[in-house]
């Protein structure tokens, strides 16, 4: 068996692992995390070129820039939320994207709407397109639910918080979207009056929402 010498120390060194070793290590990581970042691979000591080789050979699929998954794995319709949250750990899915996730209203956003604190950087992605709303620490902490999406833990605002946020940011989403979300969420019994008023208080939109809510509950 040939020996590989370390020229700096004179001590024998091990040969590099064969390509199949690295490829299996990538697949093992992907099984653990479902969606895999290129950074996860390099942090595990696997050369980044292995990912490119595996995409070309069809062993893994490139879901988006820097995000990969096993070829045989079917991803959900909400995979874009998981992709963004992988790249922006402090983000919370909000507004129109949260409505779509909870199946409230009729909106079909092509962007991923996320809330971030003022100090957090915006993830740089070509796709999916990201729409950022800045929120205070109190607003970011209220009504957050955690859901698993394609193996990724994704923070999403509750329906009550999302409805209140829609009224707060009605200039962004439109008052018609806000009213539809309120009506549909109420009809689905997706929140209680107490939940809604608590979130409306945090967002300081109680007076704005009051006439619309009164028309629903009489």
N, C-alpha and C. Protein backbone atom coordinates (compact mmCIF):
# COMPACT_ATOMS: atom_id res chain seq x y z
N UNK A 1 0.86 -1.19 0.00
CA UNK A 1 0.00 0.00 0.00
C UNK A 1 0.89 1.24 0.00
N UNK A 2 0.66 2.20 -0.89
CA UNK A 2 1.51 3.38 -0.93
C UNK A 2 1.28 4.25 0.28
N UNK A 3 2.33 5.01 0.67
CA UNK A 3 2.25 5.94 1.78
C UNK A 3 2.22 7.36 1.24
N UNK A 4 1.46 8.22 1.89
CA UNK A 4 1.37 9.62 1.51
C UNK A 4 2.10 10.41 2.59
N UNK A 5 3.23 11.00 2.25
CA UNK A 5 4.04 11.68 3.24
C UNK A 5 3.60 13.12 3.42
N UNK A 6 3.68 13.58 4.65
CA UNK A 6 3.47 14.99 4.97
C UNK A 6 4.82 15.66 4.87
N UNK A 7 5.01 16.51 3.86
CA UNK A 7 6.31 17.09 3.58
C UNK A 7 6.80 18.00 4.68
N UNK A 8 5.88 18.56 5.46
CA UNK A 8 6.30 19.49 6.51
C UNK A 8 6.78 18.76 7.75
N UNK A 9 6.25 17.57 8.03
CA UNK A 9 6.61 16.85 9.26
C UNK A 9 7.34 15.55 8.98
N UNK A 10 7.26 15.08 7.73
CA UNK A 10 7.87 13.80 7.42
C UNK A 10 7.05 12.61 7.85
N UNK A 11 5.91 12.86 8.49
CA UNK A 11 5.05 11.78 8.96
C UNK A 11 4.10 11.34 7.84
N UNK A 12 3.79 10.05 7.80
CA UNK A 12 2.82 9.60 6.79
C UNK A 12 1.45 10.26 7.01
N UNK A 13 0.79 10.57 5.96
CA UNK A 13 -0.55 11.11 6.09
C UNK A 13 -1.52 10.25 5.29
N UNK A 14 -2.77 10.31 5.71
CA UNK A 14 -3.78 9.49 5.07
C UNK A 14 -4.13 10.05 3.69
N UNK A 15 -4.43 9.18 2.74
CA UNK A 15 -4.91 9.68 1.45
C UNK A 15 -6.28 10.31 1.61
N UNK A 16 -6.65 11.24 0.73
CA UNK A 16 -7.99 11.84 0.82
C UNK A 16 -9.06 10.79 0.59
N UNK A 17 -10.22 10.95 1.25
CA UNK A 17 -11.29 9.97 1.06
C UNK A 17 -11.74 9.93 -0.40
N UNK A 18 -12.21 8.80 -0.87
CA UNK A 18 -12.70 8.71 -2.25
C UNK A 18 -13.95 9.56 -2.45
N UNK A 19 -14.25 9.97 -3.70
CA UNK A 19 -15.42 10.81 -3.95
C UNK A 19 -16.71 10.22 -3.41
N UNK A 20 -16.86 8.89 -3.46
CA UNK A 20 -18.10 8.27 -2.99
C UNK A 20 -18.30 8.50 -1.50
N UNK A 21 -17.20 8.62 -0.75
CA UNK A 21 -17.29 8.90 0.68
C UNK A 21 -17.93 10.26 0.90
N UNK A 22 -17.47 11.27 0.17
CA UNK A 22 -18.03 12.61 0.31
C UNK A 22 -19.49 12.66 -0.13
N UNK A 23 -19.79 11.97 -1.22
CA UNK A 23 -21.16 11.99 -1.72
C UNK A 23 -22.12 11.35 -0.73
N UNK A 24 -21.70 10.27 -0.10
CA UNK A 24 -22.55 9.64 0.91
C UNK A 24 -22.71 10.55 2.11
N UNK A 25 -21.65 11.29 2.46
CA UNK A 25 -21.73 12.23 3.58
C UNK A 25 -22.74 13.34 3.27
N UNK A 26 -22.79 13.80 2.02
CA UNK A 26 -23.77 14.81 1.62
C UNK A 26 -25.18 14.25 1.74
N UNK A 27 -25.38 13.04 1.27
CA UNK A 27 -26.71 12.42 1.35
C UNK A 27 -27.13 12.21 2.80
N UNK A 28 -26.18 11.85 3.65
CA UNK A 28 -26.51 11.68 5.07
C UNK A 28 -26.95 13.00 5.69
N UNK A 29 -26.26 14.09 5.34
CA UNK A 29 -26.65 15.41 5.84
C UNK A 29 -28.03 15.79 5.35
N UNK A 30 -28.29 15.51 4.07
CA UNK A 30 -29.59 15.87 3.48
C UNK A 30 -30.72 15.10 4.14
N UNK A 31 -30.46 13.85 4.53
CA UNK A 31 -31.49 13.07 5.22
C UNK A 31 -31.80 13.67 6.59
N UNK A 32 -30.80 14.21 7.23
CA UNK A 32 -30.99 14.80 8.56
C UNK A 32 -31.74 16.12 8.50
N UNK A 33 -31.49 16.91 7.43
CA UNK A 33 -31.97 18.29 7.41
C UNK A 33 -32.99 18.56 6.30
N UNK A 34 -33.23 17.60 5.45
CA UNK A 34 -34.19 17.73 4.36
C UNK A 34 -33.71 18.73 3.31
N UNK A 35 -33.66 20.01 3.67
CA UNK A 35 -33.05 21.01 2.81
C UNK A 35 -31.65 21.28 3.31
N UNK A 36 -30.73 21.35 2.40
CA UNK A 36 -29.31 21.43 2.75
C UNK A 36 -28.70 22.68 2.15
N UNK A 37 -28.03 23.47 2.99
CA UNK A 37 -27.32 24.64 2.49
C UNK A 37 -25.91 24.25 2.06
N UNK A 38 -25.37 24.98 1.09
CA UNK A 38 -23.99 24.75 0.70
C UNK A 38 -23.07 24.96 1.90
N UNK A 39 -23.42 25.90 2.75
CA UNK A 39 -22.60 26.17 3.96
C UNK A 39 -22.58 24.96 4.89
N UNK A 40 -23.70 24.23 5.00
CA UNK A 40 -23.72 23.04 5.85
C UNK A 40 -22.70 22.01 5.37
N UNK A 41 -22.56 21.93 4.05
CA UNK A 41 -21.64 20.96 3.46
C UNK A 41 -20.19 21.34 3.74
N UNK A 42 -19.84 22.60 3.48
CA UNK A 42 -18.45 23.02 3.71
C UNK A 42 -18.12 23.01 5.19
N UNK A 43 -19.09 23.33 6.06
CA UNK A 43 -18.84 23.29 7.50
C UNK A 43 -18.55 21.87 7.97
N UNK A 44 -19.07 20.88 7.24
CA UNK A 44 -18.82 19.48 7.59
C UNK A 44 -17.51 18.96 7.01
N UNK A 45 -16.74 19.86 6.36
CA UNK A 45 -15.44 19.46 5.80
C UNK A 45 -15.53 18.79 4.45
N UNK A 46 -16.66 18.96 3.76
CA UNK A 46 -16.85 18.35 2.44
C UNK A 46 -16.58 19.41 1.38
N UNK A 47 -15.74 19.13 0.39
CA UNK A 47 -15.46 20.12 -0.65
C UNK A 47 -16.73 20.56 -1.38
N UNK A 48 -16.84 21.86 -1.64
CA UNK A 48 -18.05 22.38 -2.28
C UNK A 48 -18.26 21.81 -3.67
N UNK A 49 -17.17 21.41 -4.35
CA UNK A 49 -17.30 20.88 -5.71
C UNK A 49 -18.11 19.58 -5.73
N UNK A 50 -18.20 18.91 -4.58
CA UNK A 50 -18.97 17.67 -4.52
C UNK A 50 -20.44 17.95 -4.84
N UNK A 51 -20.96 19.07 -4.35
CA UNK A 51 -22.34 19.42 -4.62
C UNK A 51 -22.59 19.56 -6.12
N UNK A 52 -21.71 20.29 -6.80
CA UNK A 52 -21.87 20.49 -8.25
C UNK A 52 -21.84 19.16 -8.98
N UNK A 53 -20.93 18.28 -8.58
CA UNK A 53 -20.83 16.97 -9.23
C UNK A 53 -22.09 16.15 -9.00
N UNK A 54 -22.65 16.23 -7.79
CA UNK A 54 -23.84 15.44 -7.50
C UNK A 54 -25.07 15.98 -8.21
N UNK A 55 -25.14 17.30 -8.41
CA UNK A 55 -26.24 17.88 -9.18
C UNK A 55 -26.16 17.40 -10.63
N UNK A 56 -24.95 17.43 -11.20
CA UNK A 56 -24.78 17.00 -12.59
C UNK A 56 -25.12 15.52 -12.77
N UNK A 57 -24.80 14.71 -11.76
CA UNK A 57 -25.08 13.28 -11.88
C UNK A 57 -26.52 12.92 -11.50
N UNK A 58 -27.27 13.90 -10.99
CA UNK A 58 -28.67 13.66 -10.66
C UNK A 58 -28.90 13.07 -9.28
N UNK A 59 -27.88 13.05 -8.43
CA UNK A 59 -28.06 12.45 -7.10
C UNK A 59 -28.74 13.42 -6.14
N UNK A 60 -28.59 14.71 -6.34
CA UNK A 60 -29.31 15.71 -5.57
C UNK A 60 -29.86 16.76 -6.51
N UNK A 61 -30.80 17.55 -6.04
CA UNK A 61 -31.38 18.62 -6.84
C UNK A 61 -31.07 19.97 -6.21
N UNK A 62 -30.86 20.95 -7.05
CA UNK A 62 -30.66 22.32 -6.59
C UNK A 62 -32.03 22.98 -6.51
N UNK A 63 -32.49 23.24 -5.29
CA UNK A 63 -33.81 23.83 -5.09
C UNK A 63 -33.78 25.32 -5.38
N UNK A 64 -32.75 26.00 -4.91
CA UNK A 64 -32.53 27.41 -5.20
C UNK A 64 -31.06 27.69 -4.96
N UNK A 65 -30.65 28.94 -5.13
CA UNK A 65 -29.25 29.27 -4.96
C UNK A 65 -28.76 28.90 -3.57
N UNK A 66 -27.80 27.98 -3.53
CA UNK A 66 -27.21 27.58 -2.26
C UNK A 66 -28.04 26.63 -1.42
N UNK A 67 -29.15 26.12 -1.96
CA UNK A 67 -30.02 25.21 -1.22
C UNK A 67 -30.26 23.95 -2.07
N UNK A 68 -30.11 22.78 -1.45
CA UNK A 68 -30.18 21.51 -2.16
C UNK A 68 -31.07 20.52 -1.42
N UNK A 69 -31.52 19.48 -2.14
CA UNK A 69 -32.33 18.42 -1.54
C UNK A 69 -32.09 17.15 -2.34
N UNK A 70 -32.31 15.97 -1.73
CA UNK A 70 -32.18 14.72 -2.47
C UNK A 70 -33.12 14.70 -3.69
N UNK A 71 -32.67 14.10 -4.76
CA UNK A 71 -33.44 14.10 -6.01
C UNK A 71 -34.81 13.48 -5.83
N UNK A 72 -34.90 12.42 -5.02
CA UNK A 72 -36.17 11.70 -4.90
C UNK A 72 -37.14 12.35 -3.93
N UNK A 73 -36.72 13.39 -3.25
CA UNK A 73 -37.59 13.99 -2.24
C UNK A 73 -38.52 15.00 -2.87
N UNK A 74 -39.80 14.87 -2.60
CA UNK A 74 -40.80 15.85 -3.04
C UNK A 74 -40.86 16.97 -2.01
N UNK A 75 -40.77 18.19 -2.49
CA UNK A 75 -40.86 19.33 -1.58
C UNK A 75 -42.29 19.86 -1.62
N UNK A 76 -42.68 20.53 -0.53
CA UNK A 76 -44.05 21.02 -0.41
C UNK A 76 -44.23 22.34 -1.15
N UNK A 77 -45.47 22.78 -1.21
CA UNK A 77 -45.75 24.06 -1.88
C UNK A 77 -45.17 25.24 -1.10
N UNK A 78 -44.82 25.02 0.16
CA UNK A 78 -44.28 26.09 0.99
C UNK A 78 -42.76 26.01 1.12
N UNK A 79 -42.11 25.30 0.21
CA UNK A 79 -40.66 25.13 0.31
C UNK A 79 -39.93 26.47 0.27
N UNK A 80 -40.48 27.46 -0.44
CA UNK A 80 -39.82 28.76 -0.51
C UNK A 80 -39.69 29.41 0.87
N UNK A 81 -40.66 29.15 1.75
CA UNK A 81 -40.57 29.69 3.11
C UNK A 81 -39.39 29.06 3.84
N UNK A 82 -39.22 27.75 3.67
CA UNK A 82 -38.10 27.06 4.31
C UNK A 82 -36.77 27.57 3.77
N UNK A 83 -36.71 27.79 2.47
CA UNK A 83 -35.47 28.29 1.86
C UNK A 83 -35.07 29.63 2.46
N UNK A 84 -36.03 30.53 2.57
CA UNK A 84 -35.73 31.87 3.08
C UNK A 84 -35.34 31.81 4.55
N UNK A 85 -36.05 31.02 5.34
CA UNK A 85 -35.75 30.94 6.76
C UNK A 85 -34.41 30.27 7.03
N UNK A 86 -33.97 29.39 6.14
CA UNK A 86 -32.63 28.83 6.26
C UNK A 86 -31.58 29.93 6.12
N UNK A 87 -31.84 30.87 5.22
CA UNK A 87 -30.87 31.94 4.95
C UNK A 87 -31.04 33.12 5.88
N UNK A 88 -32.19 33.23 6.54
CA UNK A 88 -32.46 34.37 7.44
C UNK A 88 -33.04 33.81 8.74
N UNK A 89 -32.21 33.34 9.65
CA UNK A 89 -32.69 32.68 10.87
C UNK A 89 -33.53 33.56 11.78
N UNK A 90 -33.43 34.89 11.66
CA UNK A 90 -34.19 35.78 12.54
C UNK A 90 -35.53 36.20 11.91
N UNK A 91 -35.83 35.67 10.75
CA UNK A 91 -37.05 36.07 10.04
C UNK A 91 -38.27 35.35 10.58
N UNK A 92 -39.43 36.02 10.47
CA UNK A 92 -40.73 35.42 10.75
C UNK A 92 -41.60 35.62 9.52
N UNK A 93 -42.20 34.57 9.02
CA UNK A 93 -43.09 34.68 7.85
C UNK A 93 -44.30 35.52 8.24
N UNK A 94 -44.64 36.49 7.41
CA UNK A 94 -45.67 37.45 7.80
C UNK A 94 -46.57 37.82 6.63
N UNK A 95 -47.59 38.62 6.96
CA UNK A 95 -48.48 39.26 5.99
C UNK A 95 -49.00 38.28 4.94
N UNK A 96 -48.84 38.59 3.66
CA UNK A 96 -49.50 37.79 2.62
C UNK A 96 -49.00 36.35 2.60
N UNK A 97 -47.71 36.14 2.86
CA UNK A 97 -47.19 34.77 2.89
C UNK A 97 -47.76 33.98 4.06
N UNK A 98 -47.95 34.64 5.21
CA UNK A 98 -48.56 33.97 6.36
C UNK A 98 -50.02 33.63 6.08
N UNK A 99 -50.74 34.54 5.41
CA UNK A 99 -52.13 34.25 5.04
C UNK A 99 -52.20 33.01 4.16
N UNK A 100 -51.32 32.94 3.18
CA UNK A 100 -51.31 31.79 2.28
C UNK A 100 -50.98 30.51 3.04
N UNK A 101 -50.01 30.58 3.95
CA UNK A 101 -49.63 29.40 4.72
C UNK A 101 -50.81 28.88 5.53
N UNK A 102 -51.57 29.81 6.14
CA UNK A 102 -52.71 29.41 6.97
C UNK A 102 -53.98 29.17 6.15
N UNK A 103 -53.91 29.39 4.84
CA UNK A 103 -55.05 29.22 3.94
C UNK A 103 -56.20 30.14 4.33
N UNK A 104 -55.85 31.38 4.57
CA UNK A 104 -56.83 32.43 4.89
C UNK A 104 -56.81 33.44 3.75
N UNK A 105 -57.99 33.75 3.22
CA UNK A 105 -58.06 34.69 2.11
C UNK A 105 -57.75 34.01 0.78
N UNK A 106 -57.63 34.83 -0.25
CA UNK A 106 -57.47 34.30 -1.60
C UNK A 106 -56.14 34.70 -2.25
N UNK A 107 -55.22 35.26 -1.47
CA UNK A 107 -53.98 35.75 -2.04
C UNK A 107 -53.04 34.61 -2.44
N UNK A 108 -52.34 34.79 -3.58
CA UNK A 108 -51.36 33.83 -4.07
C UNK A 108 -50.04 34.57 -4.30
N UNK A 109 -49.30 34.86 -3.24
CA UNK A 109 -48.10 35.68 -3.40
C UNK A 109 -46.99 34.97 -4.17
N UNK A 110 -46.29 35.72 -5.02
CA UNK A 110 -45.12 35.16 -5.68
C UNK A 110 -43.84 35.54 -4.93
N UNK A 111 -43.98 36.40 -3.91
CA UNK A 111 -42.87 36.78 -3.06
C UNK A 111 -43.01 36.08 -1.71
N UNK A 112 -41.90 36.01 -0.98
CA UNK A 112 -41.93 35.53 0.41
C UNK A 112 -41.84 36.75 1.31
N UNK A 113 -42.91 36.99 2.08
CA UNK A 113 -42.97 38.13 2.97
C UNK A 113 -42.43 37.72 4.33
N UNK A 114 -41.41 38.43 4.81
CA UNK A 114 -40.84 38.13 6.12
C UNK A 114 -40.71 39.41 6.93
N UNK A 115 -40.78 39.24 8.25
CA UNK A 115 -40.54 40.34 9.19
C UNK A 115 -39.16 40.15 9.80
N UNK A 116 -38.43 41.25 9.93
CA UNK A 116 -37.09 41.22 10.50
C UNK A 116 -36.93 42.37 11.49
N UNK A 117 -36.09 42.19 12.50
CA UNK A 117 -35.75 43.34 13.35
C UNK A 117 -34.94 44.35 12.56
N UNK A 118 -34.89 45.57 13.07
CA UNK A 118 -34.24 46.65 12.32
C UNK A 118 -32.76 46.40 12.07
N UNK A 119 -32.12 45.63 12.95
CA UNK A 119 -30.68 45.42 12.83
C UNK A 119 -30.29 44.24 11.95
N UNK A 120 -31.26 43.42 11.56
CA UNK A 120 -30.95 42.20 10.80
C UNK A 120 -30.74 42.51 9.33
N UNK A 121 -29.79 41.82 8.73
CA UNK A 121 -29.53 42.01 7.31
C UNK A 121 -30.53 41.23 6.47
N UNK A 122 -30.79 41.72 5.28
CA UNK A 122 -31.74 41.08 4.37
C UNK A 122 -31.02 39.97 3.61
N UNK A 123 -31.59 38.77 3.55
CA UNK A 123 -30.93 37.69 2.80
C UNK A 123 -30.85 38.04 1.31
N UNK A 124 -29.71 37.76 0.73
CA UNK A 124 -29.50 38.05 -0.69
C UNK A 124 -29.81 36.81 -1.51
N UNK A 125 -30.98 36.81 -2.11
CA UNK A 125 -31.43 35.67 -2.90
C UNK A 125 -31.94 36.17 -4.25
N UNK A 126 -31.59 35.43 -5.30
CA UNK A 126 -32.19 35.72 -6.61
C UNK A 126 -33.63 35.22 -6.62
N UNK A 127 -33.81 34.01 -6.17
CA UNK A 127 -35.13 33.40 -6.03
C UNK A 127 -35.13 32.56 -4.78
N UNK A 128 -36.23 32.52 -4.04
CA UNK A 128 -37.45 33.30 -4.26
C UNK A 128 -37.25 34.78 -3.93
N UNK A 129 -38.11 35.60 -4.50
CA UNK A 129 -38.08 37.04 -4.22
C UNK A 129 -38.54 37.26 -2.77
N UNK A 130 -37.81 38.10 -2.04
CA UNK A 130 -38.11 38.33 -0.63
C UNK A 130 -38.62 39.75 -0.44
N UNK A 131 -39.69 39.88 0.32
CA UNK A 131 -40.27 41.19 0.67
C UNK A 131 -40.13 41.35 2.19
N UNK A 132 -39.41 42.37 2.63
CA UNK A 132 -39.07 42.53 4.04
C UNK A 132 -39.87 43.65 4.68
N UNK A 133 -40.41 43.36 5.87
CA UNK A 133 -41.05 44.36 6.72
C UNK A 133 -40.29 44.41 8.04
N UNK A 134 -39.93 45.60 8.46
CA UNK A 134 -39.22 45.77 9.72
C UNK A 134 -40.22 45.92 10.86
N UNK A 135 -39.97 45.20 11.96
CA UNK A 135 -40.86 45.26 13.12
C UNK A 135 -40.05 45.44 14.39
N UNK A 136 -40.71 45.96 15.40
CA UNK A 136 -40.09 46.12 16.71
C UNK A 136 -39.94 44.75 17.37
N UNK A 137 -39.13 44.69 18.44
CA UNK A 137 -38.95 43.43 19.14
C UNK A 137 -40.27 42.91 19.72
N UNK A 138 -41.09 43.82 20.23
CA UNK A 138 -42.37 43.40 20.80
C UNK A 138 -43.28 42.81 19.73
N UNK A 139 -43.34 43.48 18.58
CA UNK A 139 -44.19 42.99 17.50
C UNK A 139 -43.68 41.67 16.95
N UNK A 140 -42.36 41.48 16.92
CA UNK A 140 -41.79 40.23 16.42
C UNK A 140 -42.01 39.06 17.37
N UNK A 141 -42.19 39.37 18.64
CA UNK A 141 -42.35 38.30 19.64
C UNK A 141 -43.79 37.85 19.81
N UNK A 142 -44.75 38.64 19.35
CA UNK A 142 -46.17 38.34 19.55
C UNK A 142 -46.71 37.41 18.47
N UNK A 143 -47.38 36.34 18.90
CA UNK A 143 -48.11 35.49 17.97
C UNK A 143 -47.27 34.66 17.03
N UNK A 144 -46.05 34.30 17.44
CA UNK A 144 -45.19 33.49 16.57
C UNK A 144 -45.47 32.01 16.81
N UNK A 145 -45.72 31.30 15.73
CA UNK A 145 -45.88 29.84 15.76
C UNK A 145 -44.72 29.22 14.99
N UNK A 146 -44.33 28.02 15.38
CA UNK A 146 -43.25 27.33 14.68
C UNK A 146 -43.80 26.08 14.00
N UNK A 147 -43.57 26.00 12.71
CA UNK A 147 -44.05 24.88 11.90
C UNK A 147 -42.86 24.24 11.19
N UNK A 148 -42.97 22.94 10.97
CA UNK A 148 -41.93 22.26 10.20
C UNK A 148 -42.33 22.23 8.73
N UNK A 149 -41.48 22.79 7.90
CA UNK A 149 -41.72 22.84 6.45
C UNK A 149 -40.52 22.18 5.77
N UNK A 150 -40.75 21.04 5.15
CA UNK A 150 -39.68 20.31 4.47
C UNK A 150 -38.47 20.12 5.37
N UNK A 151 -38.74 19.77 6.62
CA UNK A 151 -37.67 19.48 7.56
C UNK A 151 -37.02 20.69 8.19
N UNK A 152 -37.52 21.87 7.89
CA UNK A 152 -36.95 23.12 8.41
C UNK A 152 -37.95 23.75 9.38
N UNK A 153 -37.48 24.21 10.52
CA UNK A 153 -38.33 24.88 11.50
C UNK A 153 -38.57 26.33 11.03
N UNK A 154 -39.81 26.62 10.71
CA UNK A 154 -40.16 27.91 10.10
C UNK A 154 -41.07 28.69 11.05
N UNK A 155 -40.66 29.88 11.50
CA UNK A 155 -41.53 30.73 12.31
C UNK A 155 -42.56 31.45 11.43
N UNK A 156 -43.82 31.36 11.81
CA UNK A 156 -44.91 32.00 11.08
C UNK A 156 -45.82 32.70 12.08
N UNK A 157 -46.23 33.92 11.77
CA UNK A 157 -47.17 34.59 12.65
C UNK A 157 -48.52 33.88 12.62
N UNK A 158 -49.20 33.87 13.77
CA UNK A 158 -50.53 33.29 13.87
C UNK A 158 -51.51 34.06 12.99
N UNK A 159 -52.68 33.48 12.81
CA UNK A 159 -53.70 34.16 12.00
C UNK A 159 -54.09 35.50 12.63
N UNK A 160 -54.31 35.51 13.96
CA UNK A 160 -54.70 36.75 14.62
C UNK A 160 -53.64 37.84 14.44
N UNK A 161 -52.38 37.48 14.64
CA UNK A 161 -51.30 38.47 14.48
C UNK A 161 -51.19 38.91 13.03
N UNK A 162 -51.37 37.98 12.10
CA UNK A 162 -51.26 38.32 10.68
C UNK A 162 -52.37 39.28 10.26
N UNK A 163 -53.58 39.05 10.76
CA UNK A 163 -54.69 39.96 10.44
C UNK A 163 -54.39 41.36 10.98
N UNK A 164 -53.94 41.43 12.22
CA UNK A 164 -53.59 42.74 12.79
C UNK A 164 -52.47 43.40 11.99
N UNK A 165 -51.48 42.61 11.60
CA UNK A 165 -50.38 43.15 10.80
C UNK A 165 -50.86 43.68 9.46
N UNK A 166 -51.82 42.97 8.86
CA UNK A 166 -52.35 43.44 7.56
C UNK A 166 -52.99 44.82 7.70
N UNK A 167 -53.68 45.05 8.80
CA UNK A 167 -54.26 46.38 9.01
C UNK A 167 -53.17 47.40 9.30
N UNK A 168 -52.15 47.00 10.04
CA UNK A 168 -51.07 47.94 10.33
C UNK A 168 -50.33 48.32 9.05
N UNK A 169 -50.10 47.35 8.19
CA UNK A 169 -49.36 47.59 6.95
C UNK A 169 -50.30 47.58 5.75
N UNK A 170 -51.49 48.14 5.95
CA UNK A 170 -52.51 48.16 4.89
C UNK A 170 -52.05 48.93 3.67
N UNK A 171 -51.14 49.87 3.84
CA UNK A 171 -50.61 50.59 2.68
C UNK A 171 -49.73 49.69 1.81
N UNK A 172 -49.22 48.61 2.40
CA UNK A 172 -48.40 47.66 1.63
C UNK A 172 -49.25 46.57 0.99
N UNK A 173 -50.19 46.03 1.77
CA UNK A 173 -50.95 44.87 1.27
C UNK A 173 -52.30 45.25 0.69
N UNK A 174 -52.81 46.42 1.06
CA UNK A 174 -54.13 46.84 0.58
C UNK A 174 -55.21 46.60 1.63
N UNK A 175 -56.11 47.56 1.79
CA UNK A 175 -57.17 47.42 2.79
C UNK A 175 -58.12 46.29 2.42
N UNK A 176 -58.28 46.02 1.11
CA UNK A 176 -59.17 44.94 0.70
C UNK A 176 -58.63 43.58 1.14
N UNK A 177 -57.29 43.40 1.08
CA UNK A 177 -56.68 42.17 1.56
C UNK A 177 -56.85 42.05 3.07
N UNK A 178 -56.71 43.15 3.78
CA UNK A 178 -56.85 43.15 5.23
C UNK A 178 -58.26 42.76 5.65
N UNK A 179 -59.26 43.35 5.01
CA UNK A 179 -60.65 43.07 5.35
C UNK A 179 -61.00 41.63 5.00
N UNK A 180 -60.55 41.16 3.86
CA UNK A 180 -60.81 39.76 3.48
C UNK A 180 -60.19 38.80 4.49
N UNK A 181 -58.96 39.10 4.93
CA UNK A 181 -58.29 38.23 5.91
C UNK A 181 -59.06 38.21 7.21
N UNK A 182 -59.54 39.36 7.66
CA UNK A 182 -60.33 39.43 8.89
C UNK A 182 -61.60 38.61 8.76
N UNK A 183 -62.31 38.78 7.67
CA UNK A 183 -63.58 38.09 7.48
C UNK A 183 -63.38 36.58 7.36
N UNK A 184 -62.42 36.17 6.53
CA UNK A 184 -62.21 34.74 6.31
C UNK A 184 -61.67 34.06 7.57
N UNK A 185 -60.75 34.72 8.26
CA UNK A 185 -60.23 34.15 9.49
C UNK A 185 -61.30 33.99 10.55
N UNK A 186 -62.20 34.97 10.61
CA UNK A 186 -63.30 34.90 11.59
C UNK A 186 -64.27 33.76 11.24
N UNK A 187 -64.59 33.64 9.96
CA UNK A 187 -65.51 32.58 9.53
C UNK A 187 -64.90 31.19 9.75
N UNK A 188 -63.58 31.09 9.62
CA UNK A 188 -62.90 29.81 9.85
C UNK A 188 -62.66 29.53 11.34
N UNK A 189 -63.02 30.50 12.18
CA UNK A 189 -62.75 30.40 13.63
C UNK A 189 -61.27 30.18 13.89
N UNK A 190 -60.46 30.91 13.15
CA UNK A 190 -59.01 30.78 13.26
C UNK A 190 -58.43 31.59 14.40
N UNK A 191 -59.25 32.41 15.04
CA UNK A 191 -58.80 33.20 16.20
C UNK A 191 -60.00 33.56 17.04
N UNK A 192 -59.74 33.96 18.27
CA UNK A 192 -60.80 34.46 19.14
C UNK A 192 -60.74 35.98 19.16
N UNK A 193 -61.79 36.59 19.65
CA UNK A 193 -61.80 38.05 19.78
C UNK A 193 -60.66 38.53 20.68
N UNK A 194 -60.44 37.80 21.77
CA UNK A 194 -59.37 38.18 22.68
C UNK A 194 -58.00 38.12 22.01
N UNK A 195 -57.77 37.06 21.23
CA UNK A 195 -56.50 36.95 20.50
C UNK A 195 -56.32 38.12 19.55
N UNK A 196 -57.37 38.43 18.83
CA UNK A 196 -57.28 39.49 17.83
C UNK A 196 -57.02 40.84 18.48
N UNK A 197 -57.75 41.15 19.57
CA UNK A 197 -57.57 42.45 20.22
C UNK A 197 -56.20 42.57 20.86
N UNK A 198 -55.67 41.46 21.38
CA UNK A 198 -54.32 41.51 21.94
C UNK A 198 -53.30 41.86 20.86
N UNK A 199 -53.42 41.23 19.72
CA UNK A 199 -52.49 41.52 18.62
C UNK A 199 -52.72 42.93 18.07
N UNK A 200 -53.98 43.34 18.00
CA UNK A 200 -54.28 44.68 17.52
C UNK A 200 -53.71 45.74 18.46
N UNK A 201 -53.69 45.42 19.76
CA UNK A 201 -53.12 46.35 20.74
C UNK A 201 -51.61 46.48 20.54
N UNK A 202 -50.94 45.36 20.34
CA UNK A 202 -49.50 45.39 20.09
C UNK A 202 -49.19 46.21 18.84
N UNK A 203 -50.02 46.04 17.81
CA UNK A 203 -49.81 46.75 16.54
C UNK A 203 -50.41 48.16 16.52
N UNK A 204 -51.14 48.51 17.60
CA UNK A 204 -51.76 49.83 17.72
C UNK A 204 -52.74 50.12 16.56
N UNK A 205 -53.58 49.12 16.28
CA UNK A 205 -54.57 49.29 15.21
C UNK A 205 -55.98 48.95 15.70
N UNK A 206 -56.21 48.99 17.00
CA UNK A 206 -57.54 48.66 17.51
C UNK A 206 -58.61 49.58 16.92
N UNK A 207 -58.34 50.87 16.89
CA UNK A 207 -59.33 51.82 16.39
C UNK A 207 -59.57 51.64 14.90
N UNK A 208 -58.53 51.29 14.18
CA UNK A 208 -58.68 51.06 12.74
C UNK A 208 -59.54 49.83 12.49
N UNK A 209 -59.31 48.77 13.27
CA UNK A 209 -60.00 47.51 13.04
C UNK A 209 -61.40 47.46 13.63
N UNK A 210 -61.67 48.28 14.62
CA UNK A 210 -62.93 48.17 15.37
C UNK A 210 -64.18 48.17 14.48
N UNK A 211 -64.35 49.13 13.54
CA UNK A 211 -65.59 49.11 12.76
C UNK A 211 -65.75 47.86 11.90
N UNK A 212 -64.63 47.33 11.39
CA UNK A 212 -64.71 46.12 10.57
C UNK A 212 -65.06 44.92 11.43
N UNK A 213 -64.49 44.86 12.63
CA UNK A 213 -64.80 43.74 13.51
C UNK A 213 -66.24 43.82 14.02
N UNK A 214 -66.70 45.00 14.34
CA UNK A 214 -68.07 45.15 14.82
C UNK A 214 -69.10 44.75 13.77
N UNK A 215 -68.75 44.98 12.50
CA UNK A 215 -69.69 44.59 11.44
C UNK A 215 -69.78 43.07 11.30
N UNK A 216 -68.75 42.35 11.77
CA UNK A 216 -68.77 40.89 11.71
C UNK A 216 -69.52 40.27 12.89
N UNK A 217 -69.24 40.79 14.07
CA UNK A 217 -69.82 40.17 15.27
C UNK A 217 -71.11 40.82 15.71
N UNK A 218 -71.49 41.89 15.03
CA UNK A 218 -72.75 42.57 15.36
C UNK A 218 -72.64 43.40 16.60
